[in-house]
Amino acid sequence: MTAVTFAVTIGALAFLMGFLLLFMPSVLKRLNELSARMIARVDTITFSYRIGFGISLMIIAAFMFFMAYYFAKRY
């Protein structure tokens, strides 16, 4: 896996989670209930501070997309 692919993958996941936390928290809660047996539960603190977590994840996604762009231009 190259650095560009890794950065784009992490950025896309962070963007998706941030978008769901900000605009569709009920969908994320339903997905959490469905995947509770396979993946660790999303803590209730995450949902109580969902706007802060959502914005933080969107910033992380933007940074990862920038890093992917930087790696693609540099190498």
N, C-alpha and C. Protein backbone atom coordinates (compact mmCIF):
# COMPACT_ATOMS: atom_id res chain seq x y z
N MET A 1 0.85 -1.17 0.00
CA MET A 1 0.00 0.00 0.00
C MET A 1 0.90 1.24 0.00
N THR A 2 0.67 2.11 -0.93
CA THR A 2 1.48 3.32 -1.01
C THR A 2 0.97 4.36 -0.02
N ALA A 3 1.77 5.39 0.17
CA ALA A 3 1.41 6.46 1.11
C ALA A 3 0.17 7.21 0.63
N VAL A 4 0.04 7.37 -0.68
CA VAL A 4 -1.12 8.08 -1.24
C VAL A 4 -2.39 7.28 -0.98
N THR A 5 -2.36 5.99 -1.24
CA THR A 5 -3.53 5.15 -1.02
C THR A 5 -3.92 5.12 0.45
N PHE A 6 -2.92 5.02 1.31
CA PHE A 6 -3.17 5.01 2.75
C PHE A 6 -3.81 6.33 3.19
N ALA A 7 -3.26 7.45 2.73
CA ALA A 7 -3.80 8.76 3.13
C ALA A 7 -5.22 8.96 2.62
N VAL A 8 -5.50 8.54 1.40
CA VAL A 8 -6.85 8.67 0.84
C VAL A 8 -7.83 7.77 1.59
N THR A 9 -7.41 6.56 1.93
CA THR A 9 -8.28 5.65 2.66
C THR A 9 -8.63 6.20 4.04
N ILE A 10 -7.63 6.64 4.79
CA ILE A 10 -7.87 7.21 6.12
C ILE A 10 -8.70 8.49 6.00
N GLY A 11 -8.42 9.30 5.02
CA GLY A 11 -9.19 10.53 4.83
C GLY A 11 -10.64 10.25 4.51
N ALA A 12 -10.89 9.27 3.66
CA ALA A 12 -12.27 8.93 3.30
C ALA A 12 -13.04 8.38 4.51
N LEU A 13 -12.39 7.53 5.30
CA LEU A 13 -13.05 7.00 6.49
C LEU A 13 -13.33 8.10 7.52
N ALA A 14 -12.37 8.99 7.72
CA ALA A 14 -12.57 10.09 8.66
C ALA A 14 -13.67 11.02 8.18
N PHE A 15 -13.71 11.29 6.88
CA PHE A 15 -14.76 12.15 6.34
C PHE A 15 -16.13 11.51 6.51
N LEU A 16 -16.23 10.23 6.22
CA LEU A 16 -17.50 9.53 6.35
C LEU A 16 -18.00 9.54 7.80
N MET A 17 -17.12 9.22 8.73
CA MET A 17 -17.50 9.20 10.14
C MET A 17 -17.87 10.61 10.62
N GLY A 18 -17.10 11.60 10.21
CA GLY A 18 -17.41 12.98 10.60
C GLY A 18 -18.73 13.44 10.04
N PHE A 19 -18.99 13.10 8.79
CA PHE A 19 -20.27 13.47 8.16
C PHE A 19 -21.43 12.81 8.88
N LEU A 20 -21.28 11.53 9.19
CA LEU A 20 -22.35 10.83 9.91
C LEU A 20 -22.57 11.39 11.30
N LEU A 21 -21.49 11.74 12.01
CA LEU A 21 -21.64 12.30 13.35
C LEU A 21 -22.32 13.67 13.31
N LEU A 22 -22.01 14.47 12.29
CA LEU A 22 -22.59 15.81 12.22
C LEU A 22 -24.02 15.82 11.71
N PHE A 23 -24.31 15.05 10.68
CA PHE A 23 -25.58 15.20 9.98
C PHE A 23 -26.53 14.02 10.14
N MET A 24 -26.03 12.83 10.45
CA MET A 24 -26.89 11.66 10.57
C MET A 24 -26.48 10.80 11.76
N PRO A 25 -26.56 11.32 12.97
CA PRO A 25 -26.13 10.51 14.12
C PRO A 25 -27.01 9.28 14.34
N SER A 26 -28.26 9.33 13.93
CA SER A 26 -29.13 8.16 14.11
C SER A 26 -28.68 7.00 13.24
N VAL A 27 -28.20 7.29 12.04
CA VAL A 27 -27.68 6.24 11.16
C VAL A 27 -26.44 5.60 11.79
N LEU A 28 -25.58 6.43 12.35
CA LEU A 28 -24.37 5.91 12.97
C LEU A 28 -24.70 5.07 14.20
N LYS A 29 -25.72 5.46 14.96
CA LYS A 29 -26.14 4.65 16.11
C LYS A 29 -26.68 3.30 15.66
N ARG A 30 -27.45 3.30 14.56
CA ARG A 30 -27.97 2.04 14.03
C ARG A 30 -26.85 1.14 13.54
N LEU A 31 -25.87 1.72 12.83
CA LEU A 31 -24.72 0.94 12.38
C LEU A 31 -23.93 0.39 13.57
N ASN A 32 -23.84 1.17 14.63
CA ASN A 32 -23.15 0.72 15.83
C ASN A 32 -23.86 -0.46 16.46
N GLU A 33 -25.17 -0.42 16.50
CA GLU A 33 -25.93 -1.53 17.06
C GLU A 33 -25.79 -2.80 16.22
N LEU A 34 -25.75 -2.63 14.89
CA LEU A 34 -25.60 -3.79 14.01
C LEU A 34 -24.21 -4.43 14.12
N SER A 35 -23.22 -3.61 14.30
CA SER A 35 -21.85 -4.13 14.31
C SER A 35 -21.30 -4.30 15.73
N ALA A 36 -22.14 -4.24 16.73
CA ALA A 36 -21.66 -4.31 18.12
C ALA A 36 -20.96 -5.62 18.41
N ARG A 37 -21.34 -6.68 17.77
CA ARG A 37 -20.70 -7.97 18.04
C ARG A 37 -19.34 -8.12 17.34
N MET A 38 -19.17 -7.44 16.21
CA MET A 38 -17.93 -7.59 15.46
C MET A 38 -16.90 -6.52 15.82
N ILE A 39 -17.36 -5.31 16.06
CA ILE A 39 -16.48 -4.18 16.31
C ILE A 39 -16.85 -3.59 17.67
N ALA A 40 -15.90 -2.97 18.32
CA ALA A 40 -16.17 -2.35 19.62
C ALA A 40 -17.24 -1.26 19.48
N ARG A 41 -18.06 -1.13 20.48
CA ARG A 41 -19.12 -0.13 20.48
C ARG A 41 -18.55 1.29 20.51
N VAL A 42 -19.24 2.18 19.82
CA VAL A 42 -18.89 3.60 19.90
C VAL A 42 -19.42 4.09 21.24
N ASP A 43 -18.56 4.69 22.00
CA ASP A 43 -18.91 5.10 23.36
C ASP A 43 -19.98 6.19 23.35
N THR A 44 -20.75 6.26 24.41
CA THR A 44 -21.80 7.28 24.51
C THR A 44 -21.20 8.68 24.60
N ILE A 45 -19.97 8.78 25.07
CA ILE A 45 -19.31 10.09 25.11
C ILE A 45 -19.14 10.65 23.71
N THR A 46 -18.86 9.77 22.75
CA THR A 46 -18.72 10.21 21.36
C THR A 46 -20.00 10.87 20.89
N PHE A 47 -21.14 10.29 21.23
CA PHE A 47 -22.40 10.86 20.80
C PHE A 47 -22.77 12.11 21.59
N SER A 48 -22.32 12.22 22.82
CA SER A 48 -22.64 13.42 23.58
C SER A 48 -21.83 14.62 23.09
N TYR A 49 -20.65 14.37 22.52
CA TYR A 49 -19.83 15.43 21.94
C TYR A 49 -19.72 15.24 20.43
N ARG A 50 -20.80 14.87 19.79
CA ARG A 50 -20.76 14.49 18.39
C ARG A 50 -20.34 15.63 17.47
N ILE A 51 -20.69 16.87 17.78
CA ILE A 51 -20.32 17.99 16.91
C ILE A 51 -18.81 18.20 16.95
N GLY A 52 -18.23 18.16 18.13
CA GLY A 52 -16.77 18.31 18.24
C GLY A 52 -16.02 17.18 17.57
N PHE A 53 -16.47 15.94 17.80
CA PHE A 53 -15.84 14.79 17.15
C PHE A 53 -16.03 14.85 15.64
N GLY A 54 -17.21 15.25 15.19
CA GLY A 54 -17.48 15.32 13.75
C GLY A 54 -16.60 16.34 13.06
N ILE A 55 -16.48 17.52 13.65
CA ILE A 55 -15.64 18.56 13.06
C ILE A 55 -14.17 18.13 13.09
N SER A 56 -13.75 17.51 14.17
CA SER A 56 -12.37 17.02 14.25
C SER A 56 -12.08 15.99 13.17
N LEU A 57 -13.01 15.08 12.95
CA LEU A 57 -12.81 14.07 11.91
C LEU A 57 -12.80 14.69 10.52
N MET A 58 -13.59 15.74 10.30
CA MET A 58 -13.57 16.42 9.00
C MET A 58 -12.22 17.12 8.78
N ILE A 59 -11.66 17.71 9.84
CA ILE A 59 -10.34 18.34 9.73
C ILE A 59 -9.27 17.30 9.46
N ILE A 60 -9.35 16.17 10.14
CA ILE A 60 -8.40 15.08 9.89
C ILE A 60 -8.51 14.59 8.45
N ALA A 61 -9.73 14.47 7.95
CA ALA A 61 -9.93 14.03 6.56
C ALA A 61 -9.31 15.03 5.59
N ALA A 62 -9.51 16.32 5.83
CA ALA A 62 -8.91 17.33 4.95
C ALA A 62 -7.39 17.24 4.97
N PHE A 63 -6.82 17.04 6.15
CA PHE A 63 -5.38 16.90 6.27
C PHE A 63 -4.87 15.67 5.52
N MET A 64 -5.58 14.56 5.65
CA MET A 64 -5.16 13.33 4.97
C MET A 64 -5.26 13.48 3.45
N PHE A 65 -6.31 14.16 2.96
CA PHE A 65 -6.41 14.40 1.53
C PHE A 65 -5.28 15.31 1.05
N PHE A 66 -4.91 16.31 1.86
CA PHE A 66 -3.79 17.16 1.51
C PHE A 66 -2.50 16.35 1.46
N MET A 67 -2.31 15.45 2.43
CA MET A 67 -1.11 14.62 2.44
C MET A 67 -1.07 13.71 1.22
N ALA A 68 -2.22 13.17 0.82
CA ALA A 68 -2.26 12.34 -0.38
C ALA A 68 -1.87 13.15 -1.61
N TYR A 69 -2.37 14.38 -1.70
CA TYR A 69 -2.01 15.26 -2.81
C TYR A 69 -0.52 15.57 -2.78
N TYR A 70 0.01 15.86 -1.59
CA TYR A 70 1.43 16.17 -1.45
C TYR A 70 2.30 14.98 -1.86
N PHE A 71 1.94 13.78 -1.39
CA PHE A 71 2.72 12.59 -1.75
C PHE A 71 2.64 12.30 -3.24
N ALA A 72 1.47 12.53 -3.83
CA ALA A 72 1.31 12.27 -5.27
C ALA A 72 2.16 13.24 -6.08
N LYS A 73 2.26 14.48 -5.68
CA LYS A 73 3.07 15.47 -6.41
C LYS A 73 4.55 15.28 -6.16
N ARG A 74 4.89 14.89 -4.95
CA ARG A 74 6.31 14.77 -4.59
C ARG A 74 6.95 13.53 -5.16
N TYR A 75 6.25 12.41 -5.18
CA TYR A 75 6.87 11.15 -5.62
C TYR A 75 6.32 10.71 -6.90
